[in-house]
Amino acid sequence: MSVLQPSDIVDIGIEKEIKRRDFYALAAEQFAGNTDLSALFGKLRDWEEAHIKKFERIREDVKGGNYAESYPGEIHEYMAAVVDSDLYENLDAESFALNVKTPEAALEAGIGFEKDAILFFGGLANFVDPRAREVIQELISEEQQHMLQLFEMKKKLQA
């Protein structure tokens, strides 16, 4: 079994942020005819880009860190479980076009991505130093806001 280092976990987080950013970019294009929906997806795309930059700073902070585990392999097992997500499989333009045909489907997918981000960040926060933990808590708060905005748009469309 290979050992998953904290910097590896952050790299996975960056990959997920990139996929969320790309998803929101596709959604903004797909639903350009709905100004509110396209604007929301465009803002989410931009926020995810900002998250990528924050994660890159965190990655520098965690390189070479020593992290305490309750038992050998704890970090690896926990984060492997968190990062093993089929939400991100086949997330490309072709799959998007096949699977996300309605605004409701795009909003549901976005809500799922935001929930995944909150879970991932919460798990990561347990294994980083206090300085990086503050940034992660900020990211969690932002992802919660994203989820609420997606949920509000979903309610608006259902009204």
N, C-alpha and C. Protein backbone atom coordinates (compact mmCIF):
# COMPACT_ATOMS: atom_id res chain seq x y z
N MET A 1 0.85 -1.17 0.00
CA MET A 1 0.00 0.00 0.00
C MET A 1 0.90 1.24 0.00
N SER A 2 0.61 2.17 -0.90
CA SER A 2 1.38 3.41 -0.90
C SER A 2 0.79 4.36 0.14
N VAL A 3 1.64 5.18 0.67
CA VAL A 3 1.20 6.12 1.69
C VAL A 3 0.79 7.42 1.01
N LEU A 4 -0.39 7.89 1.34
CA LEU A 4 -0.91 9.12 0.79
C LEU A 4 -0.44 10.26 1.68
N GLN A 5 0.39 11.14 1.15
CA GLN A 5 0.91 12.27 1.89
C GLN A 5 -0.09 13.43 1.85
N PRO A 6 -0.05 14.32 2.84
CA PRO A 6 -0.96 15.48 2.82
C PRO A 6 -0.89 16.28 1.53
N SER A 7 0.31 16.45 0.96
CA SER A 7 0.41 17.20 -0.29
C SER A 7 -0.31 16.45 -1.42
N ASP A 8 -0.31 15.11 -1.37
CA ASP A 8 -1.05 14.33 -2.37
C ASP A 8 -2.55 14.58 -2.24
N ILE A 9 -3.00 14.67 -1.00
CA ILE A 9 -4.43 14.93 -0.74
C ILE A 9 -4.81 16.29 -1.29
N VAL A 10 -3.96 17.28 -1.07
CA VAL A 10 -4.22 18.62 -1.60
C VAL A 10 -4.24 18.59 -3.12
N ASP A 11 -3.34 17.82 -3.73
CA ASP A 11 -3.35 17.68 -5.19
C ASP A 11 -4.68 17.12 -5.68
N ILE A 12 -5.21 16.15 -4.96
CA ILE A 12 -6.52 15.59 -5.32
C ILE A 12 -7.59 16.67 -5.20
N GLY A 13 -7.49 17.47 -4.14
CA GLY A 13 -8.43 18.59 -3.97
C GLY A 13 -8.36 19.56 -5.14
N ILE A 14 -7.16 19.84 -5.61
CA ILE A 14 -7.00 20.74 -6.75
C ILE A 14 -7.65 20.13 -7.99
N GLU A 15 -7.44 18.83 -8.20
CA GLU A 15 -8.07 18.16 -9.34
C GLU A 15 -9.59 18.27 -9.28
N LYS A 16 -10.15 18.09 -8.07
CA LYS A 16 -11.60 18.18 -7.92
C LYS A 16 -12.08 19.61 -8.19
N GLU A 17 -11.33 20.59 -7.72
CA GLU A 17 -11.70 21.99 -7.97
C GLU A 17 -11.68 22.29 -9.46
N ILE A 18 -10.69 21.77 -10.16
CA ILE A 18 -10.60 21.97 -11.61
C ILE A 18 -11.82 21.36 -12.29
N LYS A 19 -12.20 20.17 -11.87
CA LYS A 19 -13.36 19.51 -12.49
C LYS A 19 -14.65 20.27 -12.18
N ARG A 20 -14.78 20.78 -10.94
CA ARG A 20 -15.97 21.58 -10.62
C ARG A 20 -15.98 22.86 -11.45
N ARG A 21 -14.82 23.51 -11.57
CA ARG A 21 -14.74 24.73 -12.38
C ARG A 21 -15.17 24.44 -13.82
N ASP A 22 -14.65 23.35 -14.38
CA ASP A 22 -14.98 23.01 -15.76
C ASP A 22 -16.46 22.65 -15.91
N PHE A 23 -17.02 21.97 -14.91
CA PHE A 23 -18.44 21.65 -14.93
C PHE A 23 -19.27 22.93 -14.98
N TYR A 24 -18.94 23.88 -14.11
CA TYR A 24 -19.71 25.13 -14.07
C TYR A 24 -19.54 25.94 -15.35
N ALA A 25 -18.36 25.88 -15.97
CA ALA A 25 -18.15 26.57 -17.25
C ALA A 25 -19.06 25.97 -18.32
N LEU A 26 -19.13 24.63 -18.36
CA LEU A 26 -20.01 23.97 -19.32
C LEU A 26 -21.46 24.30 -19.06
N ALA A 27 -21.85 24.32 -17.79
CA ALA A 27 -23.24 24.62 -17.44
C ALA A 27 -23.59 26.05 -17.83
N ALA A 28 -22.68 26.99 -17.61
CA ALA A 28 -22.94 28.39 -17.99
C ALA A 28 -23.18 28.50 -19.49
N GLU A 29 -22.41 27.76 -20.27
CA GLU A 29 -22.59 27.75 -21.72
C GLU A 29 -23.90 27.08 -22.12
N GLN A 30 -24.14 25.90 -21.54
CA GLN A 30 -25.32 25.09 -21.88
C GLN A 30 -26.62 25.86 -21.64
N PHE A 31 -26.65 26.64 -20.56
CA PHE A 31 -27.88 27.32 -20.19
C PHE A 31 -27.78 28.83 -20.35
N ALA A 32 -27.05 29.25 -21.39
CA ALA A 32 -26.84 30.67 -21.67
C ALA A 32 -28.17 31.40 -21.93
N GLY A 33 -29.19 30.67 -22.36
CA GLY A 33 -30.49 31.28 -22.61
C GLY A 33 -31.23 31.70 -21.35
N ASN A 34 -30.83 31.19 -20.21
CA ASN A 34 -31.42 31.56 -18.92
C ASN A 34 -30.40 32.44 -18.20
N THR A 35 -30.63 33.74 -18.22
CA THR A 35 -29.66 34.70 -17.69
C THR A 35 -29.28 34.41 -16.25
N ASP A 36 -30.27 34.16 -15.40
CA ASP A 36 -29.99 33.92 -13.97
C ASP A 36 -29.16 32.66 -13.77
N LEU A 37 -29.54 31.61 -14.46
CA LEU A 37 -28.85 30.33 -14.33
C LEU A 37 -27.43 30.42 -14.87
N SER A 38 -27.28 31.02 -16.03
CA SER A 38 -25.96 31.16 -16.64
C SER A 38 -25.05 32.03 -15.76
N ALA A 39 -25.61 33.10 -15.19
CA ALA A 39 -24.82 33.97 -14.31
C ALA A 39 -24.38 33.22 -13.06
N LEU A 40 -25.27 32.42 -12.48
CA LEU A 40 -24.92 31.65 -11.29
C LEU A 40 -23.79 30.68 -11.60
N PHE A 41 -23.93 29.92 -12.68
CA PHE A 41 -22.89 28.97 -13.05
C PHE A 41 -21.57 29.68 -13.37
N GLY A 42 -21.65 30.85 -13.98
CA GLY A 42 -20.44 31.62 -14.27
C GLY A 42 -19.74 32.08 -13.00
N LYS A 43 -20.53 32.53 -12.01
CA LYS A 43 -19.94 32.93 -10.72
C LYS A 43 -19.30 31.73 -10.03
N LEU A 44 -19.98 30.60 -10.06
CA LEU A 44 -19.43 29.39 -9.43
C LEU A 44 -18.13 28.97 -10.10
N ARG A 45 -18.09 29.08 -11.42
CA ARG A 45 -16.86 28.77 -12.16
C ARG A 45 -15.71 29.65 -11.66
N ASP A 46 -15.97 30.94 -11.52
CA ASP A 46 -14.93 31.88 -11.08
C ASP A 46 -14.51 31.61 -9.63
N TRP A 47 -15.45 31.26 -8.77
CA TRP A 47 -15.13 30.95 -7.38
C TRP A 47 -14.27 29.69 -7.28
N GLU A 48 -14.59 28.70 -8.10
CA GLU A 48 -13.79 27.48 -8.08
C GLU A 48 -12.36 27.78 -8.55
N GLU A 49 -12.21 28.68 -9.50
CA GLU A 49 -10.87 29.08 -9.95
C GLU A 49 -10.10 29.72 -8.78
N ALA A 50 -10.77 30.54 -8.00
CA ALA A 50 -10.13 31.15 -6.83
C ALA A 50 -9.74 30.07 -5.81
N HIS A 51 -10.58 29.05 -5.67
CA HIS A 51 -10.27 27.95 -4.74
C HIS A 51 -9.02 27.20 -5.18
N ILE A 52 -8.84 27.04 -6.47
CA ILE A 52 -7.65 26.36 -6.98
C ILE A 52 -6.40 27.09 -6.50
N LYS A 53 -6.43 28.40 -6.59
CA LYS A 53 -5.27 29.21 -6.15
C LYS A 53 -5.03 29.06 -4.65
N LYS A 54 -6.10 29.01 -3.86
CA LYS A 54 -5.95 28.82 -2.41
C LYS A 54 -5.36 27.45 -2.11
N PHE A 55 -5.83 26.45 -2.82
CA PHE A 55 -5.31 25.10 -2.63
C PHE A 55 -3.83 25.03 -2.98
N GLU A 56 -3.43 25.74 -4.02
CA GLU A 56 -2.02 25.73 -4.39
C GLU A 56 -1.16 26.31 -3.27
N ARG A 57 -1.67 27.33 -2.57
CA ARG A 57 -0.93 27.89 -1.43
C ARG A 57 -0.89 26.88 -0.28
N ILE A 58 -2.00 26.18 -0.04
CA ILE A 58 -2.04 25.18 1.02
C ILE A 58 -1.05 24.06 0.72
N ARG A 59 -0.96 23.67 -0.54
CA ARG A 59 -0.04 22.59 -0.93
C ARG A 59 1.39 22.93 -0.50
N GLU A 60 1.79 24.16 -0.67
CA GLU A 60 3.14 24.56 -0.27
C GLU A 60 3.30 24.46 1.25
N ASP A 61 2.24 24.75 2.00
CA ASP A 61 2.31 24.70 3.46
C ASP A 61 2.41 23.27 3.99
N VAL A 62 1.82 22.30 3.31
CA VAL A 62 1.78 20.94 3.85
C VAL A 62 2.93 20.06 3.39
N LYS A 63 3.72 20.52 2.43
CA LYS A 63 4.84 19.70 1.95
C LYS A 63 5.79 19.40 3.11
N GLY A 64 6.09 18.13 3.28
CA GLY A 64 7.05 17.71 4.29
C GLY A 64 6.54 17.77 5.71
N GLY A 65 5.22 17.96 5.88
CA GLY A 65 4.67 18.04 7.22
C GLY A 65 4.65 16.68 7.91
N ASN A 66 4.67 16.71 9.21
CA ASN A 66 4.53 15.49 10.00
C ASN A 66 3.15 15.49 10.61
N TYR A 67 2.38 14.48 10.35
CA TYR A 67 1.00 14.44 10.78
C TYR A 67 0.77 13.24 11.67
N ALA A 68 0.19 13.51 12.83
CA ALA A 68 -0.06 12.45 13.80
C ALA A 68 -1.27 11.63 13.36
N GLU A 69 -1.17 10.34 13.55
CA GLU A 69 -2.27 9.43 13.26
C GLU A 69 -2.62 8.67 14.53
N SER A 70 -3.89 8.37 14.71
CA SER A 70 -4.32 7.56 15.85
C SER A 70 -3.82 6.13 15.70
N TYR A 71 -3.72 5.66 14.46
CA TYR A 71 -3.19 4.33 14.16
C TYR A 71 -2.50 4.42 12.80
N PRO A 72 -1.56 3.55 12.51
CA PRO A 72 -0.84 3.61 11.24
C PRO A 72 -1.80 3.49 10.05
N GLY A 73 -1.67 4.41 9.11
CA GLY A 73 -2.51 4.38 7.91
C GLY A 73 -3.82 5.13 8.03
N GLU A 74 -4.08 5.78 9.17
CA GLU A 74 -5.36 6.46 9.37
C GLU A 74 -5.63 7.51 8.30
N ILE A 75 -4.65 8.38 8.04
CA ILE A 75 -4.84 9.44 7.04
C ILE A 75 -5.14 8.82 5.68
N HIS A 76 -4.35 7.84 5.31
CA HIS A 76 -4.54 7.19 4.01
C HIS A 76 -5.93 6.59 3.89
N GLU A 77 -6.36 5.84 4.87
CA GLU A 77 -7.66 5.17 4.80
C GLU A 77 -8.81 6.17 4.75
N TYR A 78 -8.75 7.17 5.61
CA TYR A 78 -9.85 8.14 5.65
C TYR A 78 -9.94 8.92 4.34
N MET A 79 -8.82 9.48 3.91
CA MET A 79 -8.86 10.31 2.72
C MET A 79 -9.11 9.47 1.47
N ALA A 80 -8.64 8.23 1.44
CA ALA A 80 -8.95 7.37 0.29
C ALA A 80 -10.45 7.17 0.18
N ALA A 81 -11.11 7.00 1.32
CA ALA A 81 -12.57 6.84 1.31
C ALA A 81 -13.26 8.12 0.84
N VAL A 82 -12.75 9.27 1.26
CA VAL A 82 -13.36 10.54 0.89
C VAL A 82 -13.14 10.85 -0.59
N VAL A 83 -11.95 10.59 -1.11
CA VAL A 83 -11.67 10.97 -2.48
C VAL A 83 -12.21 9.96 -3.50
N ASP A 84 -12.62 8.79 -3.07
CA ASP A 84 -13.15 7.79 -3.97
C ASP A 84 -14.60 8.15 -4.30
N SER A 85 -14.76 9.00 -5.28
CA SER A 85 -16.09 9.51 -5.61
C SER A 85 -16.37 9.35 -7.09
N ASP A 86 -17.52 8.78 -7.41
CA ASP A 86 -17.88 8.62 -8.81
C ASP A 86 -18.52 9.88 -9.37
N LEU A 87 -18.69 10.92 -8.54
CA LEU A 87 -19.24 12.18 -9.04
C LEU A 87 -18.40 12.74 -10.18
N TYR A 88 -17.10 12.51 -10.13
CA TYR A 88 -16.19 13.15 -11.06
C TYR A 88 -15.82 12.28 -12.25
N GLU A 89 -16.29 11.04 -12.25
CA GLU A 89 -15.98 10.18 -13.38
C GLU A 89 -16.68 10.70 -14.62
N ASN A 90 -15.99 10.63 -15.73
CA ASN A 90 -16.55 11.03 -17.02
C ASN A 90 -17.08 12.46 -17.03
N LEU A 91 -16.40 13.34 -16.32
CA LEU A 91 -16.83 14.74 -16.31
C LEU A 91 -16.07 15.49 -17.40
N ASP A 92 -16.61 15.36 -18.61
CA ASP A 92 -16.05 16.06 -19.75
C ASP A 92 -17.21 16.60 -20.57
N ALA A 93 -16.92 17.34 -21.60
CA ALA A 93 -17.98 18.00 -22.38
C ALA A 93 -18.98 16.99 -22.96
N GLU A 94 -18.47 15.88 -23.47
CA GLU A 94 -19.36 14.89 -24.08
C GLU A 94 -20.29 14.27 -23.03
N SER A 95 -19.73 13.86 -21.91
CA SER A 95 -20.55 13.28 -20.84
C SER A 95 -21.55 14.29 -20.31
N PHE A 96 -21.09 15.53 -20.17
CA PHE A 96 -21.97 16.58 -19.69
C PHE A 96 -23.19 16.71 -20.61
N ALA A 97 -22.94 16.78 -21.91
CA ALA A 97 -24.03 16.93 -22.87
C ALA A 97 -24.99 15.74 -22.81
N LEU A 98 -24.47 14.55 -22.56
CA LEU A 98 -25.32 13.37 -22.50
C LEU A 98 -26.12 13.29 -21.20
N ASN A 99 -25.51 13.72 -20.10
CA ASN A 99 -26.11 13.50 -18.79
C ASN A 99 -26.81 14.70 -18.18
N VAL A 100 -26.49 15.89 -18.63
CA VAL A 100 -27.07 17.09 -18.02
C VAL A 100 -27.84 17.85 -19.09
N LYS A 101 -29.12 17.50 -19.18
CA LYS A 101 -29.94 18.07 -20.25
C LYS A 101 -30.89 19.16 -19.76
N THR A 102 -31.10 19.23 -18.46
CA THR A 102 -32.04 20.22 -17.93
C THR A 102 -31.35 21.08 -16.87
N PRO A 103 -31.88 22.27 -16.66
CA PRO A 103 -31.33 23.10 -15.59
C PRO A 103 -31.38 22.39 -14.23
N GLU A 104 -32.45 21.66 -14.00
CA GLU A 104 -32.59 20.95 -12.72
C GLU A 104 -31.48 19.91 -12.54
N ALA A 105 -31.16 19.20 -13.62
CA ALA A 105 -30.09 18.20 -13.55
C ALA A 105 -28.74 18.87 -13.28
N ALA A 106 -28.50 20.01 -13.90
CA ALA A 106 -27.25 20.74 -13.67
C ALA A 106 -27.17 21.23 -12.22
N LEU A 107 -28.28 21.73 -11.70
CA LEU A 107 -28.30 22.21 -10.32
C LEU A 107 -28.09 21.06 -9.34
N GLU A 108 -28.73 19.93 -9.60
CA GLU A 108 -28.54 18.76 -8.73
C GLU A 108 -27.09 18.30 -8.75
N ALA A 109 -26.50 18.27 -9.93
CA ALA A 109 -25.09 17.87 -10.02
C ALA A 109 -24.22 18.86 -9.25
N GLY A 110 -24.49 20.15 -9.40
CA GLY A 110 -23.74 21.17 -8.68
C GLY A 110 -23.87 21.02 -7.18
N ILE A 111 -25.07 20.75 -6.71
CA ILE A 111 -25.29 20.54 -5.27
C ILE A 111 -24.48 19.34 -4.80
N GLY A 112 -24.46 18.28 -5.58
CA GLY A 112 -23.67 17.09 -5.24
C GLY A 112 -22.18 17.41 -5.17
N PHE A 113 -21.70 18.21 -6.13
CA PHE A 113 -20.28 18.60 -6.12
C PHE A 113 -19.94 19.42 -4.88
N GLU A 114 -20.83 20.32 -4.51
CA GLU A 114 -20.56 21.17 -3.34
C GLU A 114 -20.58 20.34 -2.05
N LYS A 115 -21.51 19.41 -1.95
CA LYS A 115 -21.53 18.53 -0.77
C LYS A 115 -20.23 17.72 -0.70
N ASP A 116 -19.78 17.23 -1.84
CA ASP A 116 -18.53 16.48 -1.89
C ASP A 116 -17.37 17.35 -1.44
N ALA A 117 -17.35 18.60 -1.88
CA ALA A 117 -16.26 19.51 -1.50
C ALA A 117 -16.25 19.75 0.00
N ILE A 118 -17.43 19.94 0.59
CA ILE A 118 -17.52 20.17 2.03
C ILE A 118 -16.99 18.96 2.80
N LEU A 119 -17.38 17.78 2.37
CA LEU A 119 -16.90 16.55 3.01
C LEU A 119 -15.38 16.41 2.85
N PHE A 120 -14.90 16.65 1.65
CA PHE A 120 -13.46 16.54 1.39
C PHE A 120 -12.67 17.53 2.24
N PHE A 121 -13.09 18.79 2.23
CA PHE A 121 -12.38 19.81 3.00
C PHE A 121 -12.43 19.52 4.49
N GLY A 122 -13.58 19.05 4.97
CA GLY A 122 -13.69 18.71 6.38
C GLY A 122 -12.71 17.62 6.78
N GLY A 123 -12.55 16.64 5.91
CA GLY A 123 -11.59 15.57 6.18
C GLY A 123 -10.17 16.07 6.12
N LEU A 124 -9.88 16.91 5.17
CA LEU A 124 -8.53 17.45 5.01
C LEU A 124 -8.14 18.32 6.20
N ALA A 125 -9.10 19.07 6.74
CA ALA A 125 -8.80 19.98 7.85
C ALA A 125 -8.22 19.25 9.06
N ASN A 126 -8.56 17.99 9.22
CA ASN A 126 -8.05 17.23 10.36
C ASN A 126 -6.56 16.94 10.27
N PHE A 127 -5.98 17.09 9.09
CA PHE A 127 -4.61 16.66 8.88
C PHE A 127 -3.65 17.77 8.46
N VAL A 128 -4.03 19.01 8.65
CA VAL A 128 -3.15 20.12 8.29
C VAL A 128 -2.89 21.00 9.49
N ASP A 129 -1.91 21.87 9.37
CA ASP A 129 -1.57 22.73 10.49
C ASP A 129 -2.64 23.83 10.65
N PRO A 130 -2.65 24.51 11.80
CA PRO A 130 -3.71 25.50 12.08
C PRO A 130 -3.84 26.60 11.03
N ARG A 131 -2.73 27.05 10.45
CA ARG A 131 -2.80 28.11 9.43
C ARG A 131 -3.57 27.64 8.21
N ALA A 132 -3.24 26.45 7.73
CA ALA A 132 -3.95 25.90 6.57
C ALA A 132 -5.39 25.57 6.94
N ARG A 133 -5.61 25.16 8.19
CA ARG A 133 -6.97 24.83 8.64
C ARG A 133 -7.89 26.04 8.53
N GLU A 134 -7.38 27.23 8.80
CA GLU A 134 -8.19 28.45 8.67
C GLU A 134 -8.63 28.66 7.22
N VAL A 135 -7.72 28.44 6.29
CA VAL A 135 -8.05 28.58 4.87
C VAL A 135 -9.09 27.53 4.48
N ILE A 136 -8.92 26.33 4.98
CA ILE A 136 -9.86 25.25 4.65
C ILE A 136 -11.24 25.57 5.23
N GLN A 137 -11.31 26.11 6.44
CA GLN A 137 -12.60 26.49 7.02
C GLN A 137 -13.26 27.57 6.17
N GLU A 138 -12.47 28.49 5.63
CA GLU A 138 -12.99 29.52 4.74
C GLU A 138 -13.55 28.88 3.47
N LEU A 139 -12.82 27.90 2.92
CA LEU A 139 -13.29 27.19 1.73
C LEU A 139 -14.59 26.45 2.02
N ILE A 140 -14.69 25.82 3.18
CA ILE A 140 -15.92 25.11 3.55
C ILE A 140 -17.08 26.08 3.59
N SER A 141 -16.87 27.23 4.20
CA SER A 141 -17.93 28.24 4.29
C SER A 141 -18.36 28.70 2.89
N GLU A 142 -17.40 28.89 2.00
CA GLU A 142 -17.73 29.29 0.64
C GLU A 142 -18.49 28.19 -0.10
N GLU A 143 -18.08 26.95 0.07
CA GLU A 143 -18.79 25.85 -0.58
C GLU A 143 -20.22 25.72 -0.05
N GLN A 144 -20.41 25.99 1.24
CA GLN A 144 -21.75 25.97 1.81
C GLN A 144 -22.61 27.05 1.15
N GLN A 145 -22.02 28.22 0.93
CA GLN A 145 -22.75 29.29 0.24
C GLN A 145 -23.09 28.90 -1.19
N HIS A 146 -22.15 28.27 -1.86
CA HIS A 146 -22.41 27.81 -3.23
C HIS A 146 -23.59 26.84 -3.25
N MET A 147 -23.58 25.91 -2.31
CA MET A 147 -24.65 24.91 -2.24
C MET A 147 -25.99 25.60 -2.01
N LEU A 148 -26.02 26.57 -1.12
CA LEU A 148 -27.26 27.30 -0.84
C LEU A 148 -27.74 28.07 -2.08
N GLN A 149 -26.82 28.68 -2.81
CA GLN A 149 -27.20 29.40 -4.02
C GLN A 149 -27.77 28.46 -5.07
N LEU A 150 -27.17 27.31 -5.21
CA LEU A 150 -27.70 26.31 -6.15
C LEU A 150 -29.08 25.84 -5.71
N PHE A 151 -29.24 25.61 -4.42
CA PHE A 151 -30.53 25.17 -3.89
C PHE A 151 -31.60 26.24 -4.09
N GLU A 152 -31.25 27.50 -3.84
CA GLU A 152 -32.21 28.60 -4.04
C GLU A 152 -32.62 28.70 -5.51
N MET A 153 -31.66 28.54 -6.42
CA MET A 153 -31.99 28.59 -7.85
C MET A 153 -32.90 27.42 -8.21
N LYS A 154 -32.67 26.27 -7.63
CA LYS A 154 -33.51 25.11 -7.88
C LYS A 154 -34.95 25.40 -7.42
N LYS A 155 -35.08 25.98 -6.24
CA LYS A 155 -36.42 26.33 -5.74
C LYS A 155 -37.08 27.36 -6.65
N LYS A 156 -36.31 28.33 -7.12
CA LYS A 156 -36.84 29.37 -8.01
C LYS A 156 -37.37 28.76 -9.31
N LEU A 157 -36.63 27.80 -9.86
CA LEU A 157 -37.06 27.16 -11.10
C LEU A 157 -38.31 26.30 -10.90
N GLN A 158 -38.45 25.75 -9.69
CA GLN A 158 -39.61 24.90 -9.41
C GLN A 158 -40.87 25.70 -9.12
N ALA A 159 -40.71 26.99 -8.83
CA ALA A 159 -41.86 27.84 -8.47
C ALA A 159 -42.72 28.15 -9.66
